[in-house]
Amino acid sequence: MHVMQALSPRPSATAADPGYQLIHQAADIARLEEKHSQLDELCRGGSGQDPRTLQACTYREDTAAELKKLGYCYYQPAADAVRSDYPSEGWTLCSELQRLGLLQG
């Protein structure tokens, strides 16, 4: 093999590359989690008389639905159920919660 071929950078990733897809899916999930958190703050902290509060609550539910479509569930541990192998509060893969026996319903 020619030295320059060995040193040439890897071809750029494309949307067909599974690694590329995982990285972008993870970034999308992180953005959705952050968006949900911000909307939750606006929804819970806003005035019930302000239409923007209702709008934030509606968008929060839409964002939660998107996360659920991607296989994520919101986990809120019970006070007596905290173990080191349990996830912290927040969005977690439903399959992981199921594996740990934490998925209800």
N, C-alpha and C. Protein backbone atom coordinates (compact mmCIF):
# COMPACT_ATOMS: atom_id res chain seq x y z
N MET A 1 0.85 -1.18 0.00
CA MET A 1 0.00 0.00 0.00
C MET A 1 0.89 1.23 0.00
N HIS A 2 0.52 2.18 -0.75
CA HIS A 2 1.25 3.43 -0.84
C HIS A 2 1.08 4.20 0.47
N VAL A 3 2.17 4.86 0.92
CA VAL A 3 2.15 5.58 2.20
C VAL A 3 1.06 6.63 2.23
N MET A 4 0.85 7.35 1.16
CA MET A 4 -0.15 8.40 1.13
C MET A 4 -1.56 7.81 1.26
N GLN A 5 -1.78 6.62 0.72
CA GLN A 5 -3.08 5.99 0.87
C GLN A 5 -3.32 5.61 2.33
N ALA A 6 -2.29 5.14 2.98
CA ALA A 6 -2.42 4.74 4.38
C ALA A 6 -2.69 5.94 5.27
N LEU A 7 -2.18 7.11 4.90
CA LEU A 7 -2.34 8.30 5.72
C LEU A 7 -3.52 9.16 5.32
N SER A 8 -4.14 8.83 4.22
CA SER A 8 -5.25 9.67 3.77
C SER A 8 -6.42 9.52 4.73
N PRO A 9 -7.17 10.59 4.93
CA PRO A 9 -8.28 10.52 5.87
C PRO A 9 -9.35 9.56 5.38
N ARG A 10 -10.08 9.05 6.33
CA ARG A 10 -11.18 8.16 6.02
C ARG A 10 -12.20 8.93 5.19
N PRO A 11 -12.84 8.27 4.24
CA PRO A 11 -13.86 8.98 3.47
C PRO A 11 -14.91 9.55 4.41
N SER A 12 -15.45 10.68 4.05
CA SER A 12 -16.42 11.31 4.93
C SER A 12 -17.65 10.42 5.07
N ALA A 13 -18.21 10.43 6.27
CA ALA A 13 -19.37 9.60 6.56
C ALA A 13 -20.58 10.13 5.81
N THR A 14 -21.45 9.21 5.46
CA THR A 14 -22.69 9.58 4.78
C THR A 14 -23.86 9.12 5.62
N ALA A 15 -25.04 9.51 5.23
CA ALA A 15 -26.24 9.14 5.96
C ALA A 15 -26.45 7.63 5.95
N ALA A 16 -25.85 6.92 5.00
CA ALA A 16 -26.00 5.46 4.95
C ALA A 16 -25.09 4.76 5.97
N ASP A 17 -24.10 5.44 6.48
CA ASP A 17 -23.16 4.87 7.46
C ASP A 17 -23.87 4.73 8.81
N PRO A 18 -23.94 3.51 9.38
CA PRO A 18 -24.62 3.32 10.66
C PRO A 18 -24.05 4.20 11.78
N GLY A 19 -22.74 4.40 11.80
CA GLY A 19 -22.14 5.25 12.82
C GLY A 19 -22.62 6.68 12.71
N TYR A 20 -22.72 7.16 11.50
CA TYR A 20 -23.23 8.51 11.23
C TYR A 20 -24.66 8.62 11.74
N GLN A 21 -25.46 7.60 11.44
CA GLN A 21 -26.86 7.61 11.86
C GLN A 21 -26.98 7.63 13.38
N LEU A 22 -26.16 6.82 14.07
CA LEU A 22 -26.21 6.78 15.53
C LEU A 22 -25.82 8.11 16.15
N ILE A 23 -24.78 8.72 15.61
CA ILE A 23 -24.33 10.01 16.13
C ILE A 23 -25.42 11.06 15.97
N HIS A 24 -26.02 11.08 14.79
CA HIS A 24 -27.06 12.09 14.55
C HIS A 24 -28.33 11.80 15.33
N GLN A 25 -28.66 10.52 15.50
CA GLN A 25 -29.82 10.18 16.31
C GLN A 25 -29.58 10.59 17.75
N ALA A 26 -28.38 10.36 18.27
CA ALA A 26 -28.05 10.75 19.64
C ALA A 26 -28.14 12.27 19.80
N ALA A 27 -27.67 12.99 18.81
CA ALA A 27 -27.75 14.46 18.86
C ALA A 27 -29.20 14.91 18.82
N ASP A 28 -30.01 14.26 17.99
CA ASP A 28 -31.43 14.60 17.92
C ASP A 28 -32.12 14.33 19.25
N ILE A 29 -31.80 13.21 19.87
CA ILE A 29 -32.40 12.86 21.15
C ILE A 29 -31.99 13.86 22.22
N ALA A 30 -30.72 14.24 22.23
CA ALA A 30 -30.24 15.23 23.20
C ALA A 30 -30.97 16.56 23.02
N ARG A 31 -31.17 16.96 21.76
CA ARG A 31 -31.91 18.21 21.49
C ARG A 31 -33.36 18.10 21.95
N LEU A 32 -33.99 16.95 21.70
CA LEU A 32 -35.37 16.75 22.13
C LEU A 32 -35.47 16.76 23.66
N GLU A 33 -34.51 16.13 24.33
CA GLU A 33 -34.51 16.12 25.80
C GLU A 33 -34.38 17.55 26.34
N GLU A 34 -33.48 18.32 25.75
CA GLU A 34 -33.28 19.70 26.19
C GLU A 34 -34.53 20.54 25.92
N LYS A 35 -35.10 20.35 24.75
CA LYS A 35 -36.32 21.08 24.39
C LYS A 35 -37.44 20.73 25.37
N HIS A 36 -37.59 19.45 25.68
CA HIS A 36 -38.63 19.02 26.62
C HIS A 36 -38.40 19.66 27.98
N SER A 37 -37.17 19.69 28.44
CA SER A 37 -36.84 20.28 29.74
C SER A 37 -37.20 21.77 29.77
N GLN A 38 -36.84 22.50 28.72
CA GLN A 38 -37.14 23.93 28.66
C GLN A 38 -38.64 24.18 28.61
N LEU A 39 -39.34 23.39 27.80
CA LEU A 39 -40.80 23.55 27.70
C LEU A 39 -41.47 23.18 29.03
N ASP A 40 -40.94 22.18 29.72
CA ASP A 40 -41.49 21.78 31.01
C ASP A 40 -41.37 22.92 32.01
N GLU A 41 -40.23 23.60 32.00
CA GLU A 41 -40.04 24.75 32.90
C GLU A 41 -41.05 25.85 32.58
N LEU A 42 -41.25 26.13 31.30
CA LEU A 42 -42.21 27.16 30.91
C LEU A 42 -43.64 26.75 31.25
N CYS A 43 -43.94 25.47 31.04
CA CYS A 43 -45.28 24.97 31.32
C CYS A 43 -45.58 25.01 32.82
N ARG A 44 -44.66 24.53 33.62
CA ARG A 44 -44.89 24.47 35.07
C ARG A 44 -44.72 25.83 35.75
N GLY A 45 -43.88 26.68 35.16
CA GLY A 45 -43.59 27.95 35.81
C GLY A 45 -44.41 29.12 35.30
N GLY A 46 -45.17 28.88 34.24
CA GLY A 46 -45.94 29.98 33.65
C GLY A 46 -47.27 30.19 34.33
N SER A 47 -47.84 31.33 34.06
CA SER A 47 -49.16 31.67 34.58
C SER A 47 -50.23 30.90 33.83
N GLY A 48 -51.21 30.40 34.53
CA GLY A 48 -52.32 29.70 33.90
C GLY A 48 -53.16 30.61 33.02
N GLN A 49 -53.02 31.90 33.21
CA GLN A 49 -53.77 32.88 32.41
C GLN A 49 -53.06 33.26 31.12
N ASP A 50 -51.79 32.90 31.03
CA ASP A 50 -50.99 33.28 29.86
C ASP A 50 -51.10 32.20 28.78
N PRO A 51 -51.55 32.56 27.58
CA PRO A 51 -51.67 31.56 26.51
C PRO A 51 -50.34 30.91 26.14
N ARG A 52 -49.24 31.59 26.41
CA ARG A 52 -47.93 31.00 26.13
C ARG A 52 -47.65 29.80 27.03
N THR A 53 -48.25 29.81 28.23
CA THR A 53 -48.07 28.67 29.13
C THR A 53 -48.74 27.44 28.54
N LEU A 54 -49.97 27.59 28.08
CA LEU A 54 -50.68 26.47 27.46
C LEU A 54 -49.96 25.99 26.21
N GLN A 55 -49.43 26.92 25.45
CA GLN A 55 -48.68 26.56 24.24
C GLN A 55 -47.42 25.76 24.61
N ALA A 56 -46.72 26.19 25.65
CA ALA A 56 -45.52 25.47 26.11
C ALA A 56 -45.89 24.06 26.55
N CYS A 57 -47.01 23.92 27.24
CA CYS A 57 -47.45 22.59 27.70
C CYS A 57 -47.79 21.70 26.50
N THR A 58 -48.44 22.26 25.50
CA THR A 58 -48.78 21.50 24.30
C THR A 58 -47.53 21.06 23.57
N TYR A 59 -46.59 21.96 23.39
CA TYR A 59 -45.33 21.62 22.72
C TYR A 59 -44.53 20.61 23.52
N ARG A 60 -44.58 20.70 24.85
CA ARG A 60 -43.89 19.74 25.71
C ARG A 60 -44.43 18.34 25.46
N GLU A 61 -45.75 18.22 25.37
CA GLU A 61 -46.37 16.92 25.12
C GLU A 61 -46.01 16.40 23.73
N ASP A 62 -45.94 17.29 22.74
CA ASP A 62 -45.53 16.89 21.39
C ASP A 62 -44.09 16.38 21.40
N THR A 63 -43.23 17.04 22.16
CA THR A 63 -41.83 16.63 22.26
C THR A 63 -41.72 15.29 22.96
N ALA A 64 -42.51 15.09 24.01
CA ALA A 64 -42.53 13.80 24.71
C ALA A 64 -42.97 12.69 23.76
N ALA A 65 -43.95 12.97 22.93
CA ALA A 65 -44.42 11.97 21.97
C ALA A 65 -43.33 11.59 20.98
N GLU A 66 -42.52 12.57 20.56
CA GLU A 66 -41.41 12.29 19.65
C GLU A 66 -40.37 11.41 20.32
N LEU A 67 -40.05 11.69 21.57
CA LEU A 67 -39.10 10.86 22.31
C LEU A 67 -39.62 9.43 22.47
N LYS A 68 -40.91 9.31 22.74
CA LYS A 68 -41.51 7.98 22.90
C LYS A 68 -41.45 7.20 21.59
N LYS A 69 -41.66 7.89 20.46
CA LYS A 69 -41.55 7.23 19.15
C LYS A 69 -40.15 6.67 18.93
N LEU A 70 -39.15 7.32 19.52
CA LEU A 70 -37.76 6.88 19.38
C LEU A 70 -37.39 5.82 20.42
N GLY A 71 -38.36 5.40 21.23
CA GLY A 71 -38.11 4.31 22.18
C GLY A 71 -37.67 4.77 23.56
N TYR A 72 -37.93 6.03 23.89
CA TYR A 72 -37.54 6.57 25.19
C TYR A 72 -38.75 6.72 26.10
N CYS A 73 -38.54 6.49 27.38
CA CYS A 73 -39.56 6.66 28.40
C CYS A 73 -39.01 7.61 29.46
N TYR A 74 -39.90 8.37 30.09
CA TYR A 74 -39.46 9.23 31.18
C TYR A 74 -39.47 8.42 32.47
N TYR A 75 -38.34 8.40 33.13
CA TYR A 75 -38.20 7.63 34.37
C TYR A 75 -38.03 8.56 35.54
N GLN A 76 -38.87 8.35 36.55
CA GLN A 76 -38.76 9.10 37.79
C GLN A 76 -38.71 8.07 38.92
N PRO A 77 -37.53 7.87 39.50
CA PRO A 77 -37.39 6.82 40.51
C PRO A 77 -38.18 7.13 41.78
N ALA A 78 -38.70 6.07 42.38
CA ALA A 78 -39.33 6.21 43.69
C ALA A 78 -38.22 6.43 44.71
N ALA A 79 -38.53 7.08 45.78
CA ALA A 79 -37.51 7.40 46.80
C ALA A 79 -36.83 6.14 47.34
N ASP A 80 -37.56 5.04 47.42
CA ASP A 80 -36.97 3.83 47.98
C ASP A 80 -36.41 2.89 46.91
N ALA A 81 -36.40 3.31 45.66
CA ALA A 81 -35.97 2.43 44.57
C ALA A 81 -34.62 2.84 43.98
N VAL A 82 -33.86 3.58 44.72
CA VAL A 82 -32.59 4.08 44.19
C VAL A 82 -31.50 3.04 44.40
N ARG A 83 -30.99 2.54 43.29
CA ARG A 83 -29.85 1.61 43.31
C ARG A 83 -28.83 2.14 42.32
N SER A 84 -27.60 1.72 42.48
CA SER A 84 -26.54 2.25 41.63
C SER A 84 -26.72 1.87 40.16
N ASP A 85 -27.42 0.77 39.87
CA ASP A 85 -27.61 0.38 38.48
C ASP A 85 -28.88 0.97 37.87
N TYR A 86 -29.64 1.74 38.64
CA TYR A 86 -30.84 2.39 38.12
C TYR A 86 -30.45 3.70 37.46
N PRO A 87 -31.15 4.06 36.40
CA PRO A 87 -30.86 5.35 35.78
C PRO A 87 -31.35 6.50 36.67
N SER A 88 -30.78 7.67 36.43
CA SER A 88 -31.27 8.84 37.16
C SER A 88 -32.56 9.32 36.50
N GLU A 89 -33.22 10.24 37.14
CA GLU A 89 -34.47 10.75 36.58
C GLU A 89 -34.24 11.37 35.21
N GLY A 90 -35.13 11.08 34.31
CA GLY A 90 -35.04 11.67 32.98
C GLY A 90 -35.41 10.66 31.91
N TRP A 91 -35.13 11.02 30.68
CA TRP A 91 -35.45 10.18 29.53
C TRP A 91 -34.42 9.06 29.40
N THR A 92 -34.92 7.84 29.33
CA THR A 92 -34.09 6.64 29.26
C THR A 92 -34.72 5.70 28.26
N LEU A 93 -33.90 4.89 27.62
CA LEU A 93 -34.46 3.90 26.70
C LEU A 93 -35.46 3.02 27.44
N CYS A 94 -36.64 2.86 26.87
CA CYS A 94 -37.67 2.01 27.49
C CYS A 94 -37.15 0.59 27.66
N SER A 95 -36.37 0.11 26.69
CA SER A 95 -35.84 -1.26 26.78
C SER A 95 -34.93 -1.42 28.00
N GLU A 96 -34.20 -0.38 28.36
CA GLU A 96 -33.34 -0.43 29.54
C GLU A 96 -34.19 -0.47 30.82
N LEU A 97 -35.24 0.32 30.84
CA LEU A 97 -36.13 0.31 32.01
C LEU A 97 -36.82 -1.05 32.14
N GLN A 98 -37.19 -1.62 31.00
CA GLN A 98 -37.82 -2.93 31.01
C GLN A 98 -36.84 -4.00 31.51
N ARG A 99 -35.60 -3.92 31.04
CA ARG A 99 -34.57 -4.87 31.46
C ARG A 99 -34.37 -4.84 32.97
N LEU A 100 -34.46 -3.64 33.55
CA LEU A 100 -34.28 -3.48 34.99
C LEU A 100 -35.56 -3.74 35.77
N GLY A 101 -36.65 -4.01 35.07
CA GLY A 101 -37.94 -4.25 35.74
C GLY A 101 -38.57 -2.98 36.26
N LEU A 102 -38.24 -1.85 35.64
CA LEU A 102 -38.73 -0.55 36.13
C LEU A 102 -39.84 0.03 35.27
N LEU A 103 -40.15 -0.61 34.18
CA LEU A 103 -41.18 -0.10 33.27
C LEU A 103 -42.54 -0.59 33.72
N GLN A 104 -43.39 0.34 34.04
CA GLN A 104 -44.74 -0.01 34.49
C GLN A 104 -45.69 0.10 33.32
N GLY A 105 -46.64 -0.79 33.27
CA GLY A 105 -47.67 -0.72 32.24
C GLY A 105 -47.37 -1.37 30.99
